[in-house]
Amino acid sequence: MTTESEDLQLIAQKLKATRKELGYSQKRVAEQASISRLRYQDIEAGRSSARAITLINIGRALGLELVFVPQAWVPAVNALIRPDDVVDDTPGLVFTQLDDPDE
C-alpha cells in the first residue's frame, strides 16, 4: 500500500509528464484549471494535495479525466489501457505510461 506522500508524487509525475508532452506551460494549465500558477506548481511538484474538483479541472486542462474504479479492478483496467506493459497494481491509482518519443 502506498503512502499519501507516494500518491502525491505519482499524481505530480503524471501531471508534469502530460503537461510537458503537450508543450503547455504551468501558467496555461493553471489558468484553464482556474487556480494560481503557484498553486499548480505546488501540486505538480508533489508538495501539496488538491481537492477532487481541482484535480478534475487540472486533468481536463491537460485532456485527462479523473476516474474512480474499485481497487480490485485496477490491474484489469491497467491491462486494458496498456496490454503490452507491465501492470502496476497500486491500489486506487490508474495511470498510463506516456509513450517514449525516442522509440
N, C-alpha and C. Protein backbone atom coordinates (compact mmCIF):
# COMPACT_ATOMS: atom_id res chain seq x y z
N MET A 1 0.84 -1.18 0.00
CA MET A 1 0.00 0.00 0.00
C MET A 1 0.89 1.24 0.00
N THR A 2 0.49 2.23 -0.80
CA THR A 2 1.29 3.44 -0.89
C THR A 2 0.89 4.44 0.19
N THR A 3 1.82 5.32 0.51
CA THR A 3 1.53 6.37 1.48
C THR A 3 0.95 7.58 0.74
N GLU A 4 0.38 8.50 1.52
CA GLU A 4 -0.16 9.72 0.92
C GLU A 4 0.91 10.47 0.15
N SER A 5 2.13 10.53 0.70
CA SER A 5 3.24 11.21 0.03
C SER A 5 3.57 10.54 -1.31
N GLU A 6 3.56 9.21 -1.33
CA GLU A 6 3.84 8.49 -2.58
C GLU A 6 2.74 8.74 -3.61
N ASP A 7 1.49 8.77 -3.14
CA ASP A 7 0.38 9.06 -4.04
C ASP A 7 0.51 10.45 -4.64
N LEU A 8 0.87 11.43 -3.80
CA LEU A 8 1.06 12.80 -4.29
C LEU A 8 2.14 12.84 -5.36
N GLN A 9 3.22 12.09 -5.15
CA GLN A 9 4.31 12.06 -6.12
C GLN A 9 3.88 11.41 -7.43
N LEU A 10 3.07 10.34 -7.36
CA LEU A 10 2.57 9.70 -8.58
C LEU A 10 1.69 10.64 -9.38
N ILE A 11 0.82 11.35 -8.70
CA ILE A 11 -0.06 12.32 -9.36
C ILE A 11 0.78 13.43 -9.96
N ALA A 12 1.72 13.94 -9.18
CA ALA A 12 2.58 15.03 -9.65
C ALA A 12 3.36 14.62 -10.90
N GLN A 13 3.91 13.41 -10.92
CA GLN A 13 4.67 12.95 -12.07
C GLN A 13 3.80 12.86 -13.31
N LYS A 14 2.58 12.36 -13.15
CA LYS A 14 1.66 12.24 -14.28
C LYS A 14 1.29 13.61 -14.81
N LEU A 15 0.99 14.56 -13.93
CA LEU A 15 0.63 15.90 -14.37
C LEU A 15 1.79 16.56 -15.13
N LYS A 16 2.97 16.47 -14.57
CA LYS A 16 4.13 17.11 -15.19
C LYS A 16 4.46 16.48 -16.54
N ALA A 17 4.46 15.16 -16.60
CA ALA A 17 4.79 14.47 -17.85
C ALA A 17 3.77 14.81 -18.94
N THR A 18 2.50 14.84 -18.58
CA THR A 18 1.46 15.15 -19.56
C THR A 18 1.57 16.60 -20.02
N ARG A 19 1.79 17.51 -19.08
CA ARG A 19 1.92 18.93 -19.44
C ARG A 19 3.09 19.14 -20.40
N LYS A 20 4.22 18.52 -20.09
CA LYS A 20 5.40 18.68 -20.95
C LYS A 20 5.18 18.05 -22.32
N GLU A 21 4.52 16.89 -22.35
CA GLU A 21 4.25 16.24 -23.64
C GLU A 21 3.38 17.14 -24.52
N LEU A 22 2.45 17.85 -23.90
CA LEU A 22 1.57 18.75 -24.64
C LEU A 22 2.23 20.07 -24.98
N GLY A 23 3.35 20.35 -24.34
CA GLY A 23 4.05 21.62 -24.57
C GLY A 23 3.37 22.79 -23.88
N TYR A 24 2.62 22.52 -22.82
CA TYR A 24 1.91 23.57 -22.09
C TYR A 24 2.79 24.12 -20.99
N SER A 25 2.61 25.40 -20.69
CA SER A 25 3.27 26.00 -19.54
C SER A 25 2.43 25.74 -18.29
N GLN A 26 3.07 25.87 -17.14
CA GLN A 26 2.32 25.76 -15.89
C GLN A 26 1.25 26.85 -15.82
N LYS A 27 1.57 28.01 -16.31
CA LYS A 27 0.63 29.13 -16.30
C LYS A 27 -0.62 28.78 -17.10
N ARG A 28 -0.44 28.19 -18.27
CA ARG A 28 -1.58 27.83 -19.13
C ARG A 28 -2.50 26.83 -18.42
N VAL A 29 -1.90 25.78 -17.85
CA VAL A 29 -2.69 24.76 -17.16
C VAL A 29 -3.42 25.39 -15.98
N ALA A 30 -2.73 26.20 -15.21
CA ALA A 30 -3.33 26.83 -14.03
C ALA A 30 -4.51 27.72 -14.44
N GLU A 31 -4.33 28.50 -15.47
CA GLU A 31 -5.42 29.38 -15.92
C GLU A 31 -6.63 28.56 -16.36
N GLN A 32 -6.39 27.49 -17.13
CA GLN A 32 -7.50 26.66 -17.60
C GLN A 32 -8.18 25.92 -16.45
N ALA A 33 -7.43 25.64 -15.39
CA ALA A 33 -7.98 24.95 -14.22
C ALA A 33 -8.53 25.92 -13.18
N SER A 34 -8.44 27.22 -13.45
CA SER A 34 -8.94 28.28 -12.55
C SER A 34 -8.26 28.26 -11.18
N ILE A 35 -6.94 28.06 -11.19
CA ILE A 35 -6.14 28.15 -9.96
C ILE A 35 -4.91 29.01 -10.27
N SER A 36 -4.20 29.42 -9.24
CA SER A 36 -3.00 30.22 -9.46
C SER A 36 -1.86 29.34 -9.97
N ARG A 37 -0.92 29.96 -10.65
CA ARG A 37 0.23 29.21 -11.13
C ARG A 37 1.02 28.64 -9.96
N LEU A 38 1.16 29.39 -8.87
CA LEU A 38 1.89 28.91 -7.71
C LEU A 38 1.20 27.69 -7.09
N ARG A 39 -0.12 27.70 -7.06
CA ARG A 39 -0.86 26.55 -6.53
C ARG A 39 -0.63 25.33 -7.41
N TYR A 40 -0.71 25.55 -8.74
CA TYR A 40 -0.47 24.44 -9.66
C TYR A 40 0.95 23.92 -9.52
N GLN A 41 1.91 24.83 -9.39
CA GLN A 41 3.31 24.45 -9.24
C GLN A 41 3.50 23.55 -8.02
N ASP A 42 2.86 23.88 -6.91
CA ASP A 42 2.96 23.07 -5.70
C ASP A 42 2.33 21.69 -5.88
N ILE A 43 1.21 21.63 -6.59
CA ILE A 43 0.56 20.34 -6.84
C ILE A 43 1.43 19.50 -7.76
N GLU A 44 1.93 20.10 -8.84
CA GLU A 44 2.75 19.37 -9.80
C GLU A 44 4.06 18.90 -9.19
N ALA A 45 4.57 19.62 -8.22
CA ALA A 45 5.81 19.23 -7.55
C ALA A 45 5.57 18.20 -6.45
N GLY A 46 4.31 17.91 -6.15
CA GLY A 46 4.00 16.96 -5.09
C GLY A 46 4.14 17.52 -3.70
N ARG A 47 4.22 18.84 -3.60
CA ARG A 47 4.36 19.49 -2.30
C ARG A 47 3.01 19.75 -1.63
N SER A 48 1.94 19.63 -2.42
CA SER A 48 0.62 19.97 -1.90
C SER A 48 -0.43 19.06 -2.52
N SER A 49 -1.40 18.68 -1.71
CA SER A 49 -2.51 17.89 -2.23
C SER A 49 -3.55 18.86 -2.80
N ALA A 50 -4.54 18.31 -3.47
CA ALA A 50 -5.58 19.14 -4.06
C ALA A 50 -6.93 18.50 -3.84
N ARG A 51 -7.95 19.34 -3.77
CA ARG A 51 -9.32 18.83 -3.67
C ARG A 51 -9.66 18.11 -4.98
N ALA A 52 -10.64 17.25 -4.90
CA ALA A 52 -11.05 16.48 -6.08
C ALA A 52 -11.43 17.38 -7.24
N ILE A 53 -12.18 18.44 -6.99
CA ILE A 53 -12.61 19.33 -8.08
C ILE A 53 -11.41 20.00 -8.73
N THR A 54 -10.40 20.31 -7.94
CA THR A 54 -9.18 20.91 -8.50
C THR A 54 -8.48 19.92 -9.40
N LEU A 55 -8.37 18.66 -8.97
CA LEU A 55 -7.75 17.63 -9.81
C LEU A 55 -8.56 17.39 -11.09
N ILE A 56 -9.88 17.42 -10.97
CA ILE A 56 -10.72 17.27 -12.16
C ILE A 56 -10.44 18.40 -13.14
N ASN A 57 -10.37 19.64 -12.65
CA ASN A 57 -10.13 20.79 -13.52
C ASN A 57 -8.73 20.75 -14.13
N ILE A 58 -7.73 20.37 -13.36
CA ILE A 58 -6.37 20.24 -13.89
C ILE A 58 -6.34 19.15 -14.95
N GLY A 59 -6.93 18.02 -14.63
CA GLY A 59 -6.97 16.92 -15.60
C GLY A 59 -7.60 17.35 -16.91
N ARG A 60 -8.72 18.01 -16.84
CA ARG A 60 -9.41 18.46 -18.07
C ARG A 60 -8.57 19.46 -18.84
N ALA A 61 -7.83 20.32 -18.13
CA ALA A 61 -6.94 21.27 -18.81
C ALA A 61 -5.85 20.54 -19.58
N LEU A 62 -5.53 19.32 -19.12
CA LEU A 62 -4.49 18.51 -19.77
C LEU A 62 -5.07 17.42 -20.67
N GLY A 63 -6.39 17.44 -20.86
CA GLY A 63 -7.02 16.42 -21.69
C GLY A 63 -7.13 15.07 -21.01
N LEU A 64 -7.13 15.08 -19.68
CA LEU A 64 -7.25 13.86 -18.89
C LEU A 64 -8.59 13.86 -18.17
N GLU A 65 -9.02 12.70 -17.77
CA GLU A 65 -10.26 12.60 -16.99
C GLU A 65 -9.96 11.80 -15.72
N LEU A 66 -10.42 12.30 -14.59
CA LEU A 66 -10.25 11.62 -13.32
C LEU A 66 -11.34 10.55 -13.22
N VAL A 67 -10.93 9.32 -13.01
CA VAL A 67 -11.87 8.21 -12.96
C VAL A 67 -11.60 7.40 -11.70
N PHE A 68 -12.64 7.10 -10.96
CA PHE A 68 -12.53 6.26 -9.78
C PHE A 68 -12.99 4.86 -10.15
N VAL A 69 -12.15 3.89 -9.82
CA VAL A 69 -12.51 2.49 -10.06
C VAL A 69 -12.28 1.72 -8.77
N PRO A 70 -13.03 0.66 -8.57
CA PRO A 70 -12.77 -0.15 -7.38
C PRO A 70 -11.32 -0.67 -7.40
N GLN A 71 -10.69 -0.70 -6.24
CA GLN A 71 -9.29 -1.12 -6.16
C GLN A 71 -9.07 -2.48 -6.77
N ALA A 72 -10.00 -3.37 -6.59
CA ALA A 72 -9.85 -4.72 -7.14
C ALA A 72 -9.79 -4.71 -8.67
N TRP A 73 -10.30 -3.66 -9.30
CA TRP A 73 -10.31 -3.58 -10.76
C TRP A 73 -9.05 -2.95 -11.34
N VAL A 74 -8.21 -2.35 -10.51
CA VAL A 74 -7.04 -1.62 -11.02
C VAL A 74 -6.18 -2.46 -11.95
N PRO A 75 -5.79 -3.68 -11.60
CA PRO A 75 -4.98 -4.47 -12.54
C PRO A 75 -5.68 -4.70 -13.88
N ALA A 76 -6.99 -4.96 -13.85
CA ALA A 76 -7.73 -5.19 -15.10
C ALA A 76 -7.81 -3.93 -15.95
N VAL A 77 -8.05 -2.80 -15.31
CA VAL A 77 -8.12 -1.53 -16.05
C VAL A 77 -6.76 -1.21 -16.66
N ASN A 78 -5.70 -1.38 -15.89
CA ASN A 78 -4.36 -1.15 -16.42
C ASN A 78 -4.07 -2.07 -17.60
N ALA A 79 -4.47 -3.32 -17.50
CA ALA A 79 -4.24 -4.28 -18.59
C ALA A 79 -5.01 -3.87 -19.84
N LEU A 80 -6.20 -3.31 -19.68
CA LEU A 80 -6.97 -2.84 -20.83
C LEU A 80 -6.35 -1.61 -21.48
N ILE A 81 -5.86 -0.72 -20.62
CA ILE A 81 -5.28 0.53 -21.12
C ILE A 81 -3.97 0.28 -21.84
N ARG A 82 -3.12 -0.53 -21.26
CA ARG A 82 -1.79 -0.80 -21.82
C ARG A 82 -1.52 -2.29 -21.78
N PRO A 83 -2.11 -3.06 -22.69
CA PRO A 83 -1.98 -4.52 -22.61
C PRO A 83 -0.56 -5.05 -22.76
N ASP A 84 0.34 -4.30 -23.38
CA ASP A 84 1.71 -4.78 -23.59
C ASP A 84 2.67 -4.37 -22.48
N ASP A 85 2.19 -3.59 -21.52
CA ASP A 85 3.04 -3.11 -20.43
C ASP A 85 2.88 -3.97 -19.20
N VAL A 86 3.82 -3.83 -18.31
CA VAL A 86 3.72 -4.47 -17.00
C VAL A 86 2.63 -3.73 -16.24
N VAL A 87 1.75 -4.46 -15.62
CA VAL A 87 0.63 -3.85 -14.91
C VAL A 87 1.09 -3.36 -13.55
N ASP A 88 0.77 -2.10 -13.24
CA ASP A 88 1.04 -1.52 -11.92
C ASP A 88 -0.23 -1.67 -11.12
N ASP A 89 -0.20 -2.48 -10.07
CA ASP A 89 -1.42 -2.73 -9.30
C ASP A 89 -1.49 -1.88 -8.03
N THR A 90 -0.94 -0.67 -8.09
CA THR A 90 -1.02 0.25 -6.97
C THR A 90 -2.49 0.51 -6.66
N PRO A 91 -2.95 0.21 -5.45
CA PRO A 91 -4.36 0.38 -5.13
C PRO A 91 -4.85 1.80 -5.35
N GLY A 92 -5.94 1.93 -6.08
CA GLY A 92 -6.62 3.20 -6.20
C GLY A 92 -6.08 4.16 -7.24
N LEU A 93 -4.93 3.87 -7.83
CA LEU A 93 -4.37 4.79 -8.82
C LEU A 93 -4.24 4.09 -10.16
N VAL A 94 -4.77 4.71 -11.19
CA VAL A 94 -4.64 4.16 -12.53
C VAL A 94 -4.01 5.23 -13.40
N PHE A 95 -2.77 5.02 -13.77
CA PHE A 95 -2.07 5.94 -14.64
C PHE A 95 -1.43 5.13 -15.75
N THR A 96 -1.40 5.70 -16.93
CA THR A 96 -0.71 5.03 -18.03
C THR A 96 0.65 5.69 -18.22
N GLN A 97 1.58 4.93 -18.73
CA GLN A 97 2.88 5.48 -19.06
C GLN A 97 2.77 6.23 -20.39
N LEU A 98 3.40 7.37 -20.47
CA LEU A 98 3.43 8.09 -21.74
C LEU A 98 4.40 7.42 -22.67
N ASP A 99 4.07 7.40 -23.95
CA ASP A 99 4.97 6.81 -24.92
C ASP A 99 6.28 7.57 -24.97
N ASP A 100 7.38 6.84 -25.11
CA ASP A 100 8.70 7.43 -25.22
C ASP A 100 8.85 7.95 -26.64
N PRO A 101 9.07 9.27 -26.84
CA PRO A 101 9.18 9.81 -28.19
C PRO A 101 10.40 9.29 -28.94
N ASP A 102 11.36 8.71 -28.25
CA ASP A 102 12.56 8.19 -28.91
C ASP A 102 12.39 6.79 -29.44
N GLU A 103 11.25 6.16 -29.14
CA GLU A 103 11.02 4.77 -29.59
C GLU A 103 10.46 4.76 -30.99
